Amino acid sequence: MASRCPKCGSDQILNDECLKCGVLVSKAHVTTTTSIKPISYVAPETAPVPEAEGMAKAWQAQTTSRIASIPVREKKVQYEKKILILVVIVLVAGLLFQGYRMLVHKASAYGGYYRNEIYIFTMKLPDYGWSHYQTGHLKKQELKEAHDAFYRGKDPDNPEVTLMIWTEGSKQMVPDRFDDEMANKMLEAIENEILKRMKAAGSQCEITESGRRIIGNNDGFVIHANLTKDQLFMKTIIYCGFNVSKAYTIQFLGSDEQMSKLYPEIERIIDSFTFDIRII
């Protein structure tokens, strides 16, 4: 039996009864044992360890930084792809344009006998080296008004020598051959007209040589001149011929070197040139 009261702790027990508080000792034990309920364990809230908190923040910062850098990298890659695509497009366009120019140049190559059915003149070009300007290709100011034009070389925009031809009505009927007085007056008028036109085109013109010349079995003149435009020095030879009521002009234009080199070829072209309105 118990020697003390489970309720008040007194040791005065008699016949299972506490003499101090009157509680039956046996019953008090049962009630005390069965009345206690189990308690769930809950860990106490404690402040985070500084080191662990620092590691957590560092890890979070690294993760955030890594995540934030991904879109920037993607944008850079997309930008580089666009630049690469643009470069490829430009290269392809350049190749296509060069191919087009080669085809046009090949198609424009001309040699042998040539006849212009509209302005009624003929001439013979060397078998190789010359090409015919197509309609719409006469871009330069000095070419736009030409009735027909050819170029020597591979680049129509920067030829070695350009050949331009004009025909127009004469103010009066002209004889087959001019007397000296008439020839001098006509040559002076032609020189003044050349200087006027060159000035209007923004070129400085210096006539170095001029005189009479038979062109296509017609009386005419030849004028040699130096041209300067935008610090570019060129040489030109202009042939003017007359036939009944028509006048025609044949002009060669190129660098000093090319004009000197090709002068024999130019003279052969002029020797082959014919214009006769009477055969229309």
Protein backbone atom coordinates (compact mmCIF):
# COMPACT_ATOMS: atom_id res chain seq x y z
CA MET A 1 0.00 0.00 0.00
CA ALA A 2 0.97 3.60 -0.45
CA SER A 3 2.63 5.24 2.54
CA ARG A 4 1.63 8.75 1.52
CA CYS A 5 -1.48 10.44 0.28
CA PRO A 6 -1.16 11.13 -3.44
CA LYS A 7 -3.20 14.28 -3.03
CA CYS A 8 -1.75 16.12 -0.08
CA GLY A 9 1.35 14.03 0.57
CA SER A 10 0.43 13.24 4.22
CA ASP A 11 1.76 10.02 5.68
CA GLN A 12 -1.15 9.67 8.05
CA ILE A 13 -2.94 6.83 6.33
CA LEU A 14 -5.36 4.60 8.06
CA ASN A 15 -7.37 1.90 6.40
CA ASP A 16 -6.69 3.36 2.94
CA GLU A 17 -7.93 6.79 4.05
CA CYS A 18 -5.87 9.93 4.48
CA LEU A 19 -6.53 11.23 7.96
CA LYS A 20 -5.54 14.74 6.88
CA CYS A 21 -7.63 15.30 3.71
CA GLY A 22 -9.98 12.30 3.86
CA VAL A 23 -9.16 11.03 0.37
CA LEU A 24 -9.15 7.33 -0.29
CA VAL A 25 -5.60 6.67 -1.27
CA SER A 26 -6.33 3.87 -3.79
CA LYS A 27 -8.90 5.97 -5.67
CA ALA A 28 -6.71 9.00 -5.72
CA HIS A 29 -3.95 7.01 -7.51
CA VAL A 30 -6.29 5.88 -10.28
CA THR A 31 -7.70 9.32 -10.88
CA THR A 32 -4.26 10.91 -10.99
CA THR A 33 -2.87 8.34 -13.42
CA THR A 34 -5.77 8.33 -15.89
CA SER A 35 -6.53 12.02 -15.89
CA ILE A 36 -3.19 13.03 -17.43
CA LYS A 37 -3.44 13.38 -21.27
CA PRO A 38 -0.44 13.11 -23.65
CA ILE A 39 0.98 16.46 -24.89
CA SER A 40 2.17 16.86 -28.54
CA TYR A 41 5.78 18.08 -28.84
CA VAL A 42 6.19 21.44 -30.52
CA ALA A 43 9.69 22.69 -31.11
CA PRO A 44 10.30 26.07 -29.54
CA GLU A 45 10.71 29.07 -31.83
CA THR A 46 14.32 30.11 -31.91
CA ALA A 47 16.16 32.86 -33.75
CA PRO A 48 18.02 31.71 -36.93
CA VAL A 49 21.68 31.08 -36.64
CA PRO A 50 23.49 34.04 -38.23
CA GLU A 51 25.80 31.86 -40.31
CA ALA A 52 22.95 29.76 -41.70
CA GLU A 53 20.96 32.91 -42.47
CA GLY A 54 23.93 34.38 -44.33
CA MET A 55 24.40 31.22 -46.37
CA ALA A 56 20.71 31.22 -47.23
CA LYS A 57 20.84 34.84 -48.38
CA ALA A 58 23.99 34.22 -50.40
CA TRP A 59 22.45 31.20 -52.11
CA GLN A 60 19.28 33.18 -52.78
CA ALA A 61 21.29 36.08 -54.21
CA GLN A 62 23.26 33.77 -56.50
CA THR A 63 20.08 32.10 -57.68
CA THR A 64 18.39 35.44 -58.30
CA SER A 65 21.40 36.77 -60.16
CA ARG A 66 21.60 33.67 -62.32
CA ILE A 67 17.93 33.82 -63.15
CA ALA A 68 18.10 37.54 -63.93
CA SER A 69 21.00 37.04 -66.34
CA ILE A 70 19.23 34.45 -68.49
CA PRO A 71 16.91 36.94 -70.33
CA VAL A 72 19.85 39.28 -71.04
CA ARG A 73 21.81 36.43 -72.62
CA GLU A 74 18.79 35.40 -74.66
CA LYS A 75 18.34 38.96 -75.95
CA LYS A 76 22.03 39.15 -76.89
CA VAL A 77 21.80 35.85 -78.78
CA GLN A 78 18.68 37.05 -80.60
CA TYR A 79 20.41 40.33 -81.51
CA GLU A 80 23.47 38.48 -82.82
CA LYS A 81 21.21 36.21 -84.91
CA LYS A 82 19.48 39.24 -86.43
CA ILE A 83 22.83 40.85 -87.27
CA LEU A 84 24.03 37.60 -88.86
CA ILE A 85 20.84 37.28 -90.92
CA LEU A 86 21.18 40.91 -92.07
CA VAL A 87 24.81 40.35 -93.09
CA VAL A 88 23.83 37.23 -95.04
CA ILE A 89 21.01 39.12 -96.79
CA VAL A 90 23.38 41.96 -97.75
CA LEU A 91 25.98 39.51 -99.07
CA VAL A 92 23.38 37.59 -101.09
CA ALA A 93 21.93 40.84 -102.46
CA GLY A 94 25.44 41.98 -103.41
CA LEU A 95 26.19 38.72 -105.17
CA LEU A 96 22.88 38.84 -107.03
CA PHE A 97 23.52 42.44 -108.07
CA GLN A 98 27.01 41.62 -109.30
CA GLY A 99 25.61 38.64 -111.18
CA TYR A 100 22.96 40.86 -112.73
CA ARG A 101 25.62 43.39 -113.76
CA MET A 102 27.71 40.64 -115.34
CA LEU A 103 24.71 39.36 -117.30
CA VAL A 104 23.76 42.86 -118.43
CA HIS A 105 27.34 43.61 -119.43
CA LYS A 106 27.60 40.34 -121.33
CA ALA A 107 24.31 41.00 -123.09
CA SER A 108 25.40 44.56 -123.89
CA ALA A 109 28.74 43.57 -125.44
CA TYR A 110 28.84 44.67 -129.04
CA GLY A 111 31.26 44.31 -131.90
CA GLY A 112 31.11 44.70 -135.66
CA TYR A 113 28.66 46.59 -137.86
CA TYR A 114 26.08 48.76 -136.09
CA ARG A 115 23.13 50.65 -137.57
CA ASN A 116 20.75 52.96 -135.74
CA GLU A 117 17.43 52.78 -137.57
CA ILE A 118 15.94 55.82 -135.83
CA TYR A 119 18.72 58.36 -136.33
CA ILE A 120 20.05 56.78 -139.53
CA PHE A 121 23.75 56.33 -138.92
CA THR A 122 26.09 53.37 -139.12
CA MET A 123 29.55 52.54 -137.85
CA LYS A 124 31.80 49.60 -137.18
CA LEU A 125 32.97 48.83 -133.63
CA PRO A 126 35.95 46.62 -132.75
CA ASP A 127 35.08 42.98 -132.18
CA TYR A 128 35.93 43.15 -128.49
CA GLY A 129 35.93 45.73 -125.71
CA TRP A 130 32.81 47.82 -126.40
CA SER A 131 29.30 47.50 -125.00
CA HIS A 132 26.01 49.22 -125.78
CA TYR A 133 24.20 51.29 -123.17
CA GLN A 134 20.68 49.94 -122.76
CA THR A 135 17.63 52.16 -122.35
CA GLY A 136 17.53 53.51 -118.80
CA HIS A 137 21.24 52.93 -118.18
CA LEU A 138 22.27 56.42 -119.24
CA LYS A 139 22.35 57.85 -115.70
CA LYS A 140 25.03 60.53 -115.92
CA GLN A 141 23.94 64.02 -116.91
CA GLU A 142 26.21 64.08 -119.96
CA LEU A 143 24.69 60.79 -121.17
CA LYS A 144 20.99 61.40 -120.55
CA GLU A 145 20.42 63.51 -123.64
CA ALA A 146 22.46 61.31 -125.97
CA HIS A 147 20.49 59.58 -128.71
CA ASP A 148 22.80 56.56 -128.57
CA ALA A 149 25.81 55.58 -126.46
CA PHE A 150 28.47 52.91 -126.03
CA TYR A 151 31.17 52.32 -123.45
CA ARG A 152 34.52 50.57 -123.37
CA GLY A 153 35.41 48.44 -120.36
CA LYS A 154 33.51 46.25 -117.90
CA ASP A 155 31.82 48.89 -115.74
CA PRO A 156 29.09 51.00 -117.39
CA ASP A 157 29.16 53.42 -114.43
CA ASN A 158 32.92 53.90 -114.66
CA PRO A 159 33.95 53.10 -118.25
CA GLU A 160 37.39 53.50 -119.76
CA VAL A 161 35.92 55.56 -122.60
CA THR A 162 32.36 56.64 -123.34
CA LEU A 163 31.01 57.13 -126.87
CA MET A 164 27.92 59.38 -127.25
CA ILE A 165 26.04 60.30 -130.43
CA TRP A 166 23.49 63.04 -131.12
CA THR A 167 21.68 64.04 -134.31
CA GLU A 168 19.58 67.17 -134.84
CA GLY A 169 18.18 69.33 -137.55
CA SER A 170 20.37 72.07 -139.00
CA LYS A 171 19.09 75.64 -139.09
CA GLN A 172 19.75 75.81 -142.80
CA MET A 173 20.67 73.60 -145.68
CA VAL A 174 24.41 73.11 -145.93
CA PRO A 175 26.52 72.40 -148.98
CA ASP A 176 28.55 69.23 -149.37
CA ARG A 177 31.70 71.26 -148.86
CA PHE A 178 32.21 74.53 -146.95
CA ASP A 179 34.28 77.43 -148.17
CA ASP A 180 36.93 78.72 -145.79
CA GLU A 181 34.88 81.66 -144.52
CA MET A 182 31.83 79.53 -143.77
CA ALA A 183 33.98 76.83 -142.16
CA ASN A 184 35.66 79.34 -139.83
CA LYS A 185 32.33 80.81 -138.75
CA MET A 186 30.82 77.37 -138.14
CA LEU A 187 33.86 76.16 -136.19
CA GLU A 188 33.78 79.26 -133.96
CA ALA A 189 30.05 78.77 -133.33
CA ILE A 190 30.61 75.07 -132.46
CA GLU A 191 33.42 75.90 -130.03
CA ASN A 192 31.26 78.51 -128.26
CA GLU A 193 28.39 76.05 -128.03
CA ILE A 194 30.68 73.38 -126.52
CA LEU A 195 32.00 75.82 -123.90
CA LYS A 196 28.46 76.90 -123.06
CA ARG A 197 27.19 73.33 -122.64
CA MET A 198 30.17 72.21 -120.58
CA LYS A 199 29.75 75.18 -118.25
CA ALA A 200 26.06 74.38 -117.82
CA ALA A 201 27.07 70.82 -116.89
CA GLY A 202 29.39 72.15 -114.17
CA SER A 203 32.64 71.39 -116.03
CA GLN A 204 35.56 73.62 -116.84
CA CYS A 205 36.44 73.20 -120.49
CA GLU A 206 39.67 74.10 -122.26
CA ILE A 207 39.78 73.60 -126.02
CA THR A 208 43.29 72.46 -126.91
CA GLU A 209 42.92 71.77 -130.65
CA SER A 210 40.28 72.16 -133.37
CA GLY A 211 40.06 71.97 -137.15
CA ARG A 212 38.19 70.66 -140.18
CA ARG A 213 37.60 66.96 -140.67
CA ILE A 214 35.69 64.79 -143.16
CA ILE A 215 33.27 62.53 -141.26
CA GLY A 216 31.26 59.90 -143.09
CA ASN A 217 32.04 61.56 -146.42
CA ASN A 218 30.53 64.79 -145.06
CA ASP A 219 32.25 68.05 -144.26
CA GLY A 220 32.75 68.56 -140.54
CA PHE A 221 35.04 69.47 -137.66
CA VAL A 222 36.96 67.90 -134.79
CA ILE A 223 37.60 69.53 -131.40
CA HIS A 224 39.97 68.27 -128.68
CA ALA A 225 39.40 69.59 -125.15
CA ASN A 226 40.32 69.09 -121.50
CA LEU A 227 37.51 68.84 -118.93
CA THR A 228 37.75 69.32 -115.18
CA LYS A 229 34.83 68.57 -112.88
CA ASP A 230 34.97 68.04 -109.10
CA GLN A 231 38.77 67.67 -109.27
CA LEU A 232 38.35 64.94 -111.92
CA PHE A 233 40.38 65.53 -115.08
CA MET A 234 39.09 64.09 -118.36
CA LYS A 235 39.81 64.42 -122.07
CA THR A 236 37.23 64.59 -124.83
CA ILE A 237 37.23 64.49 -128.62
CA ILE A 238 34.14 65.87 -130.36
CA TYR A 239 33.40 65.23 -134.04
CA CYS A 240 30.69 67.32 -135.74
CA GLY A 241 29.39 66.48 -139.22
CA PHE A 242 26.74 67.98 -141.52
CA ASN A 243 24.58 66.43 -144.20
CA VAL A 244 22.03 68.53 -146.11
CA SER A 245 19.65 69.62 -143.29
CA LYS A 246 21.02 67.45 -140.48
CA ALA A 247 23.90 67.83 -138.05
CA TYR A 248 25.39 65.06 -135.97
CA THR A 249 27.84 64.98 -133.08
CA ILE A 250 30.03 62.08 -131.96
CA GLN A 251 31.82 62.53 -128.64
CA PHE A 252 34.44 60.34 -126.95
CA LEU A 253 35.12 60.96 -123.25
CA GLY A 254 37.66 59.30 -120.95
CA SER A 255 40.78 59.67 -118.86
CA ASP A 256 43.91 61.18 -120.38
CA GLU A 257 45.65 57.79 -120.30
CA GLN A 258 42.80 55.83 -121.90
CA MET A 259 42.07 58.44 -124.55
CA SER A 260 45.72 58.49 -125.61
CA LYS A 261 45.93 54.70 -125.56
CA LEU A 262 42.72 54.19 -127.55
CA TYR A 263 43.13 57.08 -129.99
CA PRO A 264 43.91 54.80 -132.99
CA GLU A 265 40.82 52.75 -132.18
CA ILE A 266 38.70 55.92 -131.93
CA GLU A 267 39.95 57.09 -135.33
CA ARG A 268 39.00 53.75 -136.91
CA ILE A 269 35.47 54.06 -135.53
CA ILE A 270 35.16 57.59 -136.97
CA ASP A 271 36.51 56.45 -140.33
CA SER A 272 33.74 53.81 -140.45
CA PHE A 273 30.98 56.25 -139.45
CA THR A 274 28.36 57.13 -142.12
CA PHE A 275 25.37 59.44 -142.09
CA ASP A 276 23.38 60.34 -145.19
CA ILE A 277 19.83 61.62 -144.98
CA ARG A 278 19.41 61.17 -148.72
CA ILE A 279 19.31 57.39 -148.42
CA ILE A 280 16.24 57.39 -146.09
